[in-house]
């Protein structure tokens, strides 16, 4: 996701959140600017970082097309994810639930896309791409954990205490389509 560095992006998170909610409620720009520029935190940031130049209509417009669109896209994704969790009844791995919600959100985005790359479409796709990286990493970690759990399972019905691993039953084979050259070796079972 793009790192924003304008006047509004440098405001504390709680103020950006309040601004985004007010933007969503279609509060007029003059009221928003008067509110923002009256806040001591905002005055300090613009004094320190922007030579005292207050937040302008242009700054607000830039935020509305960028940071606000990112905020909306994140919020819509999280709402869809919570709906998916509720629908699943809390059953299932969180990474899988997030992947399902992400796929549904991508589908909705493309279904309603008219072929134009509007700022809203770009913001939504940028946010979804960021979530996709995170969900992919969660799924990889869940996969590694499952493979490690398979690798450390106690052998069943083996009186010698040694695990017999064959290419068909090895954790490597269960977690990969490529067989491993050492998968057929005997390894001592862990106590």
N, C-alpha and C. Protein backbone atom coordinates (compact mmCIF):
# COMPACT_ATOMS: atom_id res chain seq x y z
N UNK A 1 0.84 -1.16 0.00
CA UNK A 1 0.00 0.00 0.00
C UNK A 1 0.90 1.24 0.00
N UNK A 2 0.47 2.26 -0.70
CA UNK A 2 1.24 3.48 -0.83
C UNK A 2 1.30 4.20 0.52
N UNK A 3 2.50 4.66 0.87
CA UNK A 3 2.66 5.45 2.08
C UNK A 3 2.33 6.89 1.74
N UNK A 4 1.43 7.45 2.48
CA UNK A 4 1.01 8.83 2.23
C UNK A 4 1.81 9.77 3.14
N UNK A 5 2.11 10.96 2.63
CA UNK A 5 2.95 11.87 3.41
C UNK A 5 2.47 13.31 3.42
N UNK A 6 1.22 13.55 3.02
CA UNK A 6 0.68 14.90 3.02
C UNK A 6 0.29 15.36 4.42
N UNK A 7 -0.29 16.54 4.47
CA UNK A 7 -0.67 17.12 5.76
C UNK A 7 -1.63 16.21 6.53
N UNK A 8 -2.64 15.73 5.85
CA UNK A 8 -3.64 14.91 6.55
C UNK A 8 -3.06 13.54 6.91
N UNK A 9 -2.22 12.99 6.04
CA UNK A 9 -1.61 11.68 6.33
C UNK A 9 -0.71 11.74 7.56
N UNK A 10 -0.18 12.89 7.86
CA UNK A 10 0.71 13.02 9.02
C UNK A 10 -0.03 13.27 10.33
N UNK A 11 -1.33 13.42 10.23
CA UNK A 11 -2.12 13.61 11.46
C UNK A 11 -2.18 12.30 12.24
N UNK A 12 -2.40 12.38 13.55
CA UNK A 12 -2.55 11.15 14.34
C UNK A 12 -3.71 10.30 13.83
N UNK A 13 -3.60 9.01 14.01
CA UNK A 13 -4.60 8.06 13.52
C UNK A 13 -6.02 8.42 13.97
N UNK A 14 -6.18 8.78 15.25
CA UNK A 14 -7.53 9.06 15.75
C UNK A 14 -8.16 10.26 15.02
N UNK A 15 -7.36 11.24 14.63
CA UNK A 15 -7.92 12.38 13.88
C UNK A 15 -8.25 11.98 12.44
N UNK A 16 -7.41 11.16 11.83
CA UNK A 16 -7.72 10.69 10.47
C UNK A 16 -8.99 9.85 10.49
N UNK A 17 -9.15 9.05 11.53
CA UNK A 17 -10.36 8.23 11.66
C UNK A 17 -11.59 9.11 11.78
N UNK A 18 -11.52 10.13 12.63
CA UNK A 18 -12.65 11.05 12.78
C UNK A 18 -12.95 11.76 11.46
N UNK A 19 -11.90 12.19 10.77
CA UNK A 19 -12.09 12.86 9.49
C UNK A 19 -12.75 11.92 8.48
N UNK A 20 -12.29 10.68 8.42
CA UNK A 20 -12.87 9.73 7.47
C UNK A 20 -14.35 9.48 7.75
N UNK A 21 -14.70 9.37 9.01
CA UNK A 21 -16.11 9.19 9.36
C UNK A 21 -16.93 10.40 8.93
N UNK A 22 -16.39 11.58 9.15
CA UNK A 22 -17.10 12.80 8.75
C UNK A 22 -17.20 12.92 7.23
N UNK A 23 -16.14 12.50 6.53
CA UNK A 23 -16.21 12.48 5.06
C UNK A 23 -17.28 11.50 4.58
N UNK A 24 -17.34 10.35 5.23
CA UNK A 24 -18.34 9.36 4.85
C UNK A 24 -19.76 9.90 5.05
N UNK A 25 -19.92 10.74 6.05
CA UNK A 25 -21.23 11.33 6.32
C UNK A 25 -21.48 12.56 5.45
N UNK A 26 -20.60 12.80 4.48
CA UNK A 26 -20.75 13.91 3.52
C UNK A 26 -20.75 15.28 4.16
N UNK A 27 -19.96 15.44 5.20
CA UNK A 27 -19.86 16.76 5.82
C UNK A 27 -19.17 17.70 4.83
N UNK A 28 -19.65 18.93 4.69
CA UNK A 28 -19.08 19.86 3.71
C UNK A 28 -17.62 20.23 4.03
N UNK A 29 -16.86 20.43 2.96
CA UNK A 29 -15.43 20.76 3.10
C UNK A 29 -15.16 21.97 3.99
N UNK A 30 -15.91 23.08 3.86
CA UNK A 30 -15.61 24.24 4.72
C UNK A 30 -15.71 23.91 6.22
N UNK A 31 -16.70 23.09 6.58
CA UNK A 31 -16.83 22.70 7.99
C UNK A 31 -15.67 21.81 8.43
N UNK A 32 -15.29 20.89 7.57
CA UNK A 32 -14.18 19.99 7.89
C UNK A 32 -12.87 20.77 8.05
N UNK A 33 -12.63 21.70 7.14
CA UNK A 33 -11.40 22.49 7.21
C UNK A 33 -11.37 23.36 8.46
N UNK A 34 -12.50 23.99 8.79
CA UNK A 34 -12.57 24.81 10.01
C UNK A 34 -12.30 23.95 11.24
N UNK A 35 -12.90 22.76 11.28
CA UNK A 35 -12.70 21.84 12.41
C UNK A 35 -11.24 21.42 12.51
N UNK A 36 -10.68 20.95 11.38
CA UNK A 36 -9.29 20.47 11.39
C UNK A 36 -8.32 21.56 11.81
N UNK A 37 -8.41 22.71 11.16
CA UNK A 37 -7.44 23.79 11.42
C UNK A 37 -7.59 24.42 12.80
N UNK A 38 -8.68 24.14 13.50
CA UNK A 38 -8.86 24.65 14.86
C UNK A 38 -8.25 23.72 15.91
N UNK A 39 -7.93 22.49 15.52
CA UNK A 39 -7.39 21.52 16.48
C UNK A 39 -5.92 21.83 16.81
N UNK A 40 -5.57 21.86 18.11
CA UNK A 40 -4.19 22.15 18.50
C UNK A 40 -3.18 21.17 17.88
N UNK A 41 -3.53 19.88 17.80
CA UNK A 41 -2.60 18.90 17.22
C UNK A 41 -2.31 19.20 15.76
N UNK A 42 -3.34 19.60 15.02
CA UNK A 42 -3.19 19.92 13.61
C UNK A 42 -2.33 21.18 13.46
N UNK A 43 -2.63 22.18 14.26
CA UNK A 43 -1.86 23.43 14.18
C UNK A 43 -0.39 23.18 14.45
N UNK A 44 -0.09 22.32 15.42
CA UNK A 44 1.31 22.01 15.74
C UNK A 44 1.99 21.30 14.57
N UNK A 45 1.32 20.32 13.97
CA UNK A 45 1.92 19.57 12.85
C UNK A 45 2.16 20.47 11.65
N UNK A 46 1.20 21.31 11.30
CA UNK A 46 1.39 22.19 10.13
C UNK A 46 2.44 23.27 10.44
N UNK A 47 2.54 23.70 11.68
CA UNK A 47 3.58 24.66 12.05
C UNK A 47 4.95 24.03 11.92
N UNK A 48 5.09 22.83 12.48
CA UNK A 48 6.39 22.15 12.51
C UNK A 48 6.82 21.64 11.13
N UNK A 49 5.88 21.03 10.38
CA UNK A 49 6.25 20.34 9.14
C UNK A 49 5.92 21.08 7.85
N UNK A 50 5.04 22.07 7.93
CA UNK A 50 4.56 22.72 6.70
C UNK A 50 4.61 24.24 6.78
N UNK A 51 5.51 24.77 7.57
CA UNK A 51 5.69 26.22 7.64
C UNK A 51 4.46 26.99 8.10
N UNK A 52 3.57 26.34 8.85
CA UNK A 52 2.39 27.01 9.37
C UNK A 52 1.24 27.11 8.39
N UNK A 53 1.41 26.60 7.18
CA UNK A 53 0.34 26.64 6.16
C UNK A 53 -0.77 25.68 6.58
N UNK A 54 -2.00 26.18 6.79
CA UNK A 54 -3.09 25.31 7.27
C UNK A 54 -3.50 24.27 6.22
N UNK A 55 -4.29 23.32 6.66
CA UNK A 55 -4.85 22.32 5.76
C UNK A 55 -5.80 23.05 4.81
N UNK A 56 -5.62 22.80 3.52
CA UNK A 56 -6.40 23.51 2.51
C UNK A 56 -7.44 22.59 1.87
N UNK A 57 -8.29 23.22 1.05
CA UNK A 57 -9.29 22.46 0.30
C UNK A 57 -8.59 21.45 -0.62
N UNK A 58 -7.46 21.84 -1.20
CA UNK A 58 -6.70 20.93 -2.06
C UNK A 58 -6.20 19.73 -1.26
N UNK A 59 -5.67 19.97 -0.05
CA UNK A 59 -5.21 18.85 0.80
C UNK A 59 -6.36 17.90 1.09
N UNK A 60 -7.51 18.45 1.40
CA UNK A 60 -8.68 17.64 1.71
C UNK A 60 -9.13 16.85 0.48
N UNK A 61 -9.09 17.48 -0.66
CA UNK A 61 -9.47 16.81 -1.91
C UNK A 61 -8.51 15.65 -2.22
N UNK A 62 -7.23 15.89 -2.03
CA UNK A 62 -6.23 14.82 -2.24
C UNK A 62 -6.49 13.66 -1.28
N UNK A 63 -6.79 13.97 -0.04
CA UNK A 63 -7.06 12.92 0.95
C UNK A 63 -8.33 12.15 0.57
N UNK A 64 -9.35 12.87 0.12
CA UNK A 64 -10.61 12.23 -0.26
C UNK A 64 -10.38 11.22 -1.39
N UNK A 65 -9.49 11.53 -2.32
CA UNK A 65 -9.22 10.63 -3.45
C UNK A 65 -8.21 9.53 -3.10
N UNK A 66 -7.47 9.68 -2.02
CA UNK A 66 -6.44 8.70 -1.68
C UNK A 66 -6.68 7.99 -0.37
N UNK A 67 -6.28 8.64 0.71
CA UNK A 67 -6.36 8.02 2.03
C UNK A 67 -7.76 7.62 2.44
N UNK A 68 -8.73 8.45 2.12
CA UNK A 68 -10.12 8.13 2.45
C UNK A 68 -10.59 6.91 1.66
N UNK A 69 -10.24 6.82 0.39
CA UNK A 69 -10.62 5.66 -0.42
C UNK A 69 -9.98 4.38 0.12
N UNK A 70 -8.72 4.48 0.56
CA UNK A 70 -8.06 3.32 1.18
C UNK A 70 -8.81 2.90 2.44
N UNK A 71 -9.20 3.88 3.24
CA UNK A 71 -9.93 3.62 4.48
C UNK A 71 -11.25 2.92 4.18
N UNK A 72 -11.98 3.42 3.18
CA UNK A 72 -13.26 2.79 2.81
C UNK A 72 -13.04 1.34 2.35
N UNK A 73 -12.04 1.13 1.52
CA UNK A 73 -11.79 -0.21 1.01
C UNK A 73 -11.42 -1.17 2.14
N UNK A 74 -10.57 -0.72 3.06
CA UNK A 74 -10.20 -1.56 4.21
C UNK A 74 -11.43 -1.89 5.04
N UNK A 75 -12.26 -0.88 5.30
CA UNK A 75 -13.45 -1.09 6.11
C UNK A 75 -14.42 -2.06 5.44
N UNK A 76 -14.62 -1.91 4.15
CA UNK A 76 -15.52 -2.81 3.44
C UNK A 76 -15.00 -4.24 3.46
N UNK A 77 -13.68 -4.39 3.29
CA UNK A 77 -13.10 -5.73 3.35
C UNK A 77 -13.31 -6.33 4.74
N UNK A 78 -13.04 -5.57 5.78
CA UNK A 78 -13.18 -6.10 7.14
C UNK A 78 -14.63 -6.45 7.46
N UNK A 79 -15.57 -5.66 6.95
CA UNK A 79 -16.99 -5.99 7.14
C UNK A 79 -17.32 -7.30 6.45
N UNK A 80 -16.81 -7.48 5.22
CA UNK A 80 -17.05 -8.74 4.49
C UNK A 80 -16.42 -9.91 5.22
N UNK A 81 -15.25 -9.69 5.79
CA UNK A 81 -14.57 -10.76 6.52
C UNK A 81 -15.37 -11.14 7.75
N UNK A 82 -15.89 -10.16 8.49
CA UNK A 82 -16.70 -10.46 9.68
C UNK A 82 -17.98 -11.19 9.29
N UNK A 83 -18.58 -10.81 8.17
CA UNK A 83 -19.77 -11.52 7.69
C UNK A 83 -19.43 -12.97 7.37
N UNK A 84 -18.29 -13.18 6.73
CA UNK A 84 -17.86 -14.54 6.36
C UNK A 84 -17.61 -15.38 7.62
N UNK A 85 -17.00 -14.78 8.63
CA UNK A 85 -16.76 -15.49 9.89
C UNK A 85 -18.09 -15.86 10.54
N UNK A 86 -19.04 -14.91 10.55
CA UNK A 86 -20.35 -15.18 11.12
C UNK A 86 -21.06 -16.29 10.36
N UNK A 87 -20.98 -16.25 9.04
CA UNK A 87 -21.63 -17.26 8.21
C UNK A 87 -21.01 -18.63 8.46
N UNK A 88 -19.70 -18.67 8.67
CA UNK A 88 -19.02 -19.95 8.91
C UNK A 88 -19.24 -20.42 10.34
N UNK A 89 -19.81 -19.57 11.17
CA UNK A 89 -20.08 -19.95 12.56
C UNK A 89 -18.82 -20.09 13.39
N UNK A 90 -17.74 -19.41 12.98
CA UNK A 90 -16.49 -19.49 13.72
C UNK A 90 -15.71 -20.75 13.42
N UNK A 91 -16.23 -21.61 12.53
CA UNK A 91 -15.52 -22.83 12.17
C UNK A 91 -14.57 -22.54 11.02
N UNK A 92 -13.44 -23.17 11.05
CA UNK A 92 -12.49 -22.99 9.96
C UNK A 92 -11.32 -22.14 10.40
N UNK A 93 -10.24 -22.29 9.67
CA UNK A 93 -9.02 -21.55 9.97
C UNK A 93 -9.21 -20.08 9.61
N UNK A 94 -8.71 -19.18 10.46
CA UNK A 94 -8.85 -17.75 10.17
C UNK A 94 -8.25 -17.37 8.82
N UNK A 95 -7.11 -17.96 8.46
CA UNK A 95 -6.49 -17.63 7.18
C UNK A 95 -7.38 -18.05 6.02
N UNK A 96 -8.03 -19.20 6.15
CA UNK A 96 -8.93 -19.66 5.08
C UNK A 96 -10.17 -18.77 5.00
N UNK A 97 -10.68 -18.38 6.15
CA UNK A 97 -11.84 -17.48 6.18
C UNK A 97 -11.49 -16.14 5.55
N UNK A 98 -10.30 -15.63 5.89
CA UNK A 98 -9.86 -14.36 5.31
C UNK A 98 -9.68 -14.50 3.80
N UNK A 99 -9.13 -15.63 3.35
CA UNK A 99 -8.95 -15.85 1.91
C UNK A 99 -10.30 -15.91 1.19
N UNK A 100 -11.28 -16.54 1.81
CA UNK A 100 -12.61 -16.61 1.21
C UNK A 100 -13.23 -15.21 1.12
N UNK A 101 -13.12 -14.45 2.19
CA UNK A 101 -13.66 -13.08 2.18
C UNK A 101 -12.92 -12.22 1.16
N UNK A 102 -11.61 -12.40 1.07
CA UNK A 102 -10.82 -11.65 0.11
C UNK A 102 -11.24 -11.98 -1.33
N UNK A 103 -11.41 -13.26 -1.61
CA UNK A 103 -11.85 -13.68 -2.94
C UNK A 103 -13.23 -13.11 -3.26
N UNK A 104 -14.12 -13.12 -2.28
CA UNK A 104 -15.46 -12.55 -2.50
C UNK A 104 -15.38 -11.05 -2.76
N UNK A 105 -14.50 -10.39 -2.03
CA UNK A 105 -14.37 -8.95 -2.21
C UNK A 105 -13.78 -8.62 -3.58
N UNK A 106 -12.76 -9.38 -3.99
CA UNK A 106 -12.21 -9.21 -5.34
C UNK A 106 -13.31 -9.42 -6.39
N UNK A 107 -14.12 -10.46 -6.18
CA UNK A 107 -15.20 -10.76 -7.11
C UNK A 107 -16.19 -9.61 -7.21
N UNK A 108 -16.59 -9.05 -6.06
CA UNK A 108 -17.51 -7.90 -6.06
C UNK A 108 -16.89 -6.69 -6.75
N UNK A 109 -15.60 -6.47 -6.49
CA UNK A 109 -14.92 -5.34 -7.11
C UNK A 109 -14.95 -5.47 -8.64
N UNK A 110 -14.63 -6.65 -9.12
CA UNK A 110 -14.61 -6.87 -10.57
C UNK A 110 -16.01 -6.89 -11.17
N UNK A 111 -16.98 -7.41 -10.44
CA UNK A 111 -18.36 -7.46 -10.91
C UNK A 111 -18.92 -6.06 -11.15
N UNK A 112 -18.56 -5.12 -10.29
CA UNK A 112 -19.08 -3.76 -10.39
C UNK A 112 -18.15 -2.83 -11.16
N UNK A 113 -17.06 -3.35 -11.68
CA UNK A 113 -16.10 -2.52 -12.39
C UNK A 113 -16.58 -2.24 -13.80
N UNK A 114 -16.53 -0.99 -14.20
CA UNK A 114 -16.98 -0.60 -15.54
C UNK A 114 -15.83 -0.52 -16.54
N UNK A 115 -14.64 -0.93 -16.13
CA UNK A 115 -13.48 -0.90 -17.02
C UNK A 115 -12.63 0.34 -16.87
N UNK A 116 -13.10 1.33 -16.12
CA UNK A 116 -12.32 2.55 -15.89
C UNK A 116 -11.55 2.44 -14.59
N UNK A 117 -10.33 2.93 -14.61
CA UNK A 117 -9.50 2.94 -13.40
C UNK A 117 -9.74 4.24 -12.64
N UNK A 118 -10.85 4.28 -11.92
CA UNK A 118 -11.18 5.44 -11.10
C UNK A 118 -10.34 5.43 -9.83
N UNK A 119 -10.24 6.56 -9.14
CA UNK A 119 -9.50 6.56 -7.87
C UNK A 119 -10.07 5.55 -6.87
N UNK A 120 -11.40 5.37 -6.86
CA UNK A 120 -12.02 4.42 -5.94
C UNK A 120 -11.61 2.99 -6.29
N UNK A 121 -11.61 2.66 -7.59
CA UNK A 121 -11.22 1.32 -8.02
C UNK A 121 -9.75 1.08 -7.68
N UNK A 122 -8.89 2.06 -7.98
CA UNK A 122 -7.47 1.90 -7.69
C UNK A 122 -7.23 1.73 -6.19
N UNK A 123 -7.93 2.51 -5.37
CA UNK A 123 -7.76 2.40 -3.91
C UNK A 123 -8.21 1.03 -3.43
N UNK A 124 -9.36 0.57 -3.92
CA UNK A 124 -9.85 -0.76 -3.50
C UNK A 124 -8.89 -1.86 -3.92
N UNK A 125 -8.41 -1.81 -5.15
CA UNK A 125 -7.51 -2.86 -5.61
C UNK A 125 -6.18 -2.80 -4.87
N UNK A 126 -5.71 -1.60 -4.53
CA UNK A 126 -4.46 -1.44 -3.78
C UNK A 126 -4.60 -2.04 -2.37
N UNK A 127 -5.71 -1.76 -1.72
CA UNK A 127 -5.94 -2.29 -0.38
C UNK A 127 -6.09 -3.81 -0.43
N UNK A 128 -6.84 -4.31 -1.39
CA UNK A 128 -7.01 -5.76 -1.52
C UNK A 128 -5.68 -6.44 -1.78
N UNK A 129 -4.85 -5.82 -2.60
CA UNK A 129 -3.53 -6.39 -2.87
C UNK A 129 -2.70 -6.48 -1.58
N UNK A 130 -2.77 -5.44 -0.77
CA UNK A 130 -2.06 -5.47 0.52
C UNK A 130 -2.58 -6.57 1.43
N UNK A 131 -3.90 -6.72 1.50
CA UNK A 131 -4.49 -7.80 2.30
C UNK A 131 -4.09 -9.16 1.74
N UNK A 132 -4.04 -9.26 0.42
CA UNK A 132 -3.71 -10.53 -0.22
C UNK A 132 -2.33 -11.00 0.23
N UNK A 133 -1.37 -10.09 0.28
CA UNK A 133 -0.02 -10.47 0.74
C UNK A 133 -0.07 -11.00 2.17
N UNK A 134 -0.82 -10.33 3.03
CA UNK A 134 -0.92 -10.76 4.42
C UNK A 134 -1.62 -12.10 4.57
N UNK A 135 -2.72 -12.29 3.84
CA UNK A 135 -3.46 -13.55 3.91
C UNK A 135 -2.62 -14.70 3.35
N UNK A 136 -1.90 -14.43 2.28
CA UNK A 136 -1.02 -15.47 1.71
C UNK A 136 0.02 -15.90 2.73
N UNK A 137 0.60 -14.95 3.44
CA UNK A 137 1.59 -15.30 4.46
C UNK A 137 0.95 -16.09 5.60
N UNK A 138 -0.26 -15.73 6.00
CA UNK A 138 -0.98 -16.49 7.04
C UNK A 138 -1.22 -17.93 6.59
N UNK A 139 -1.62 -18.10 5.32
CA UNK A 139 -1.87 -19.44 4.82
C UNK A 139 -0.57 -20.24 4.73
N UNK A 140 0.53 -19.60 4.32
CA UNK A 140 1.82 -20.30 4.29
C UNK A 140 2.22 -20.78 5.68
N UNK A 141 2.03 -19.89 6.66
CA UNK A 141 2.39 -20.27 8.04
C UNK A 141 1.51 -21.41 8.54
N UNK A 142 0.22 -21.37 8.23
CA UNK A 142 -0.67 -22.46 8.63
C UNK A 142 -0.25 -23.76 7.95
N UNK A 143 0.15 -23.68 6.70
CA UNK A 143 0.61 -24.86 5.95
C UNK A 143 1.89 -25.43 6.58
N UNK A 144 2.84 -24.54 6.91
CA UNK A 144 4.08 -24.99 7.57
C UNK A 144 3.78 -25.67 8.90
N UNK A 145 2.86 -25.08 9.67
CA UNK A 145 2.49 -25.65 10.96
C UNK A 145 1.88 -27.03 10.78
N UNK A 146 0.99 -27.17 9.80
CA UNK A 146 0.38 -28.48 9.54
C UNK A 146 1.44 -29.50 9.14
N UNK A 147 2.39 -29.09 8.32
CA UNK A 147 3.46 -30.00 7.91
C UNK A 147 4.33 -30.39 9.09
N UNK A 148 4.64 -29.43 9.95
CA UNK A 148 5.44 -29.73 11.14
C UNK A 148 4.68 -30.67 12.08
N UNK A 149 3.36 -30.46 12.21
CA UNK A 149 2.55 -31.35 13.04
C UNK A 149 2.58 -32.77 12.49
N UNK A 150 2.50 -32.91 11.17
CA UNK A 150 2.58 -34.24 10.55
C UNK A 150 3.95 -34.88 10.79
N UNK A 151 4.98 -34.08 10.71
CA UNK A 151 6.34 -34.58 10.87
C UNK A 151 6.62 -35.06 12.29
N UNK A 152 5.93 -34.50 13.28
CA UNK A 152 6.21 -34.86 14.67
C UNK A 152 5.19 -35.82 15.26
N UNK A 153 4.24 -36.31 14.45
CA UNK A 153 3.26 -37.27 14.95
C UNK A 153 3.96 -38.55 15.38
N UNK A 154 3.44 -39.17 16.46
CA UNK A 154 3.95 -40.45 16.94
C UNK A 154 3.61 -41.54 15.94
N UNK A 155 4.57 -42.42 15.63
CA UNK A 155 4.24 -43.54 14.74
C UNK A 155 3.26 -44.48 15.44
N UNK A 156 2.32 -45.03 14.68
CA UNK A 156 1.31 -45.91 15.25
C UNK A 156 1.61 -47.36 14.88
N UNK A 157 1.50 -48.22 15.84
CA UNK A 157 1.65 -49.65 15.58
C UNK A 157 3.05 -50.08 15.18
N UNK A 158 4.07 -49.39 15.65
CA UNK A 158 5.44 -49.76 15.30
C UNK A 158 6.18 -50.13 16.58
N UNK A 159 6.34 -51.43 16.85
CA UNK A 159 6.96 -51.87 18.10
C UNK A 159 8.44 -51.52 18.20
N UNK A 160 9.14 -51.25 17.10
CA UNK A 160 10.57 -50.98 17.16
C UNK A 160 10.87 -49.57 17.62
N UNK A 161 9.87 -48.69 17.59
CA UNK A 161 10.10 -47.31 18.00
C UNK A 161 10.68 -46.46 16.89
N UNK A 162 10.91 -47.07 15.72
CA UNK A 162 11.41 -46.29 14.60
C UNK A 162 10.27 -45.96 13.67
N UNK A 163 10.27 -44.75 13.18
CA UNK A 163 9.23 -44.35 12.23
C UNK A 163 9.64 -44.82 10.85
N UNK A 164 8.74 -45.50 10.18
CA UNK A 164 8.96 -45.91 8.80
C UNK A 164 8.33 -44.84 7.92
N UNK A 165 9.15 -44.13 7.19
CA UNK A 165 8.63 -43.07 6.34
C UNK A 165 8.84 -43.49 4.90
N UNK A 166 7.77 -43.49 4.18
CA UNK A 166 7.85 -43.79 2.76
C UNK A 166 7.45 -42.54 1.99
N UNK A 167 7.78 -42.48 0.71
CA UNK A 167 7.39 -41.30 -0.05
C UNK A 167 5.89 -41.05 -0.03
N UNK A 168 5.08 -42.09 0.11
CA UNK A 168 3.64 -41.90 0.11
C UNK A 168 3.11 -41.37 1.44
N UNK A 169 3.77 -41.70 2.56
CA UNK A 169 3.24 -41.31 3.86
C UNK A 169 4.06 -40.23 4.56
N UNK A 170 5.09 -39.75 3.93
CA UNK A 170 5.94 -38.78 4.60
C UNK A 170 5.27 -37.41 4.67
N UNK A 171 5.64 -36.60 5.67
CA UNK A 171 5.15 -35.24 5.74
C UNK A 171 5.54 -34.46 4.49
N UNK A 172 6.72 -34.79 3.95
CA UNK A 172 7.17 -34.11 2.74
C UNK A 172 6.18 -34.38 1.61
N UNK A 173 5.79 -35.65 1.45
CA UNK A 173 4.85 -36.00 0.38
C UNK A 173 3.48 -35.40 0.66
N UNK A 174 3.08 -35.36 1.92
CA UNK A 174 1.77 -34.81 2.26
C UNK A 174 1.72 -33.31 2.02
N UNK A 175 2.87 -32.67 2.14
CA UNK A 175 2.91 -31.21 2.03
C UNK A 175 3.51 -30.73 0.72
N UNK A 176 3.79 -31.63 -0.17
CA UNK A 176 4.41 -31.24 -1.43
C UNK A 176 4.09 -32.26 -2.49
N UNK A 177 4.08 -31.83 -3.72
CA UNK A 177 3.86 -32.78 -4.82
C UNK A 177 5.18 -33.36 -5.29
N UNK A 178 6.30 -32.86 -4.78
CA UNK A 178 7.61 -33.36 -5.17
C UNK A 178 8.10 -34.31 -4.08
N UNK A 179 8.48 -35.54 -4.46
CA UNK A 179 8.98 -36.47 -3.44
C UNK A 179 10.40 -36.07 -3.07
N UNK A 180 10.77 -36.40 -1.87
CA UNK A 180 12.06 -36.01 -1.33
C UNK A 180 12.97 -37.23 -1.30
N UNK A 181 14.27 -37.09 -1.69
CA UNK A 181 15.16 -38.26 -1.76
C UNK A 181 15.40 -38.93 -0.41
N UNK A 182 15.30 -38.24 0.70
CA UNK A 182 15.55 -38.86 2.00
C UNK A 182 14.27 -39.36 2.64
N UNK A 183 13.16 -39.24 1.98
CA UNK A 183 11.88 -39.60 2.57
C UNK A 183 11.77 -41.11 2.85
N UNK A 184 12.53 -41.95 2.16
CA UNK A 184 12.42 -43.38 2.35
C UNK A 184 13.35 -43.89 3.46
N UNK A 185 14.22 -43.04 4.02
CA UNK A 185 15.14 -43.47 5.07
C UNK A 185 14.40 -43.68 6.38
N UNK A 186 14.95 -44.59 7.21
CA UNK A 186 14.42 -44.78 8.55
C UNK A 186 14.98 -43.69 9.45
N UNK A 187 14.11 -43.13 10.25
CA UNK A 187 14.58 -42.14 11.22
C UNK A 187 14.06 -42.57 12.58
N UNK A 188 14.84 -42.35 13.64
CA UNK A 188 14.37 -42.74 14.97
C UNK A 188 13.19 -41.87 15.40
N UNK A 189 12.25 -42.52 16.06
CA UNK A 189 11.07 -41.80 16.56
C UNK A 189 11.47 -40.96 17.74
N UNK A 190 10.88 -39.80 17.87
CA UNK A 190 11.15 -38.93 19.01
C UNK A 190 10.34 -39.41 20.20
N UNK A 191 10.92 -39.31 21.36
CA UNK A 191 10.26 -39.77 22.58
C UNK A 191 9.22 -38.81 23.05
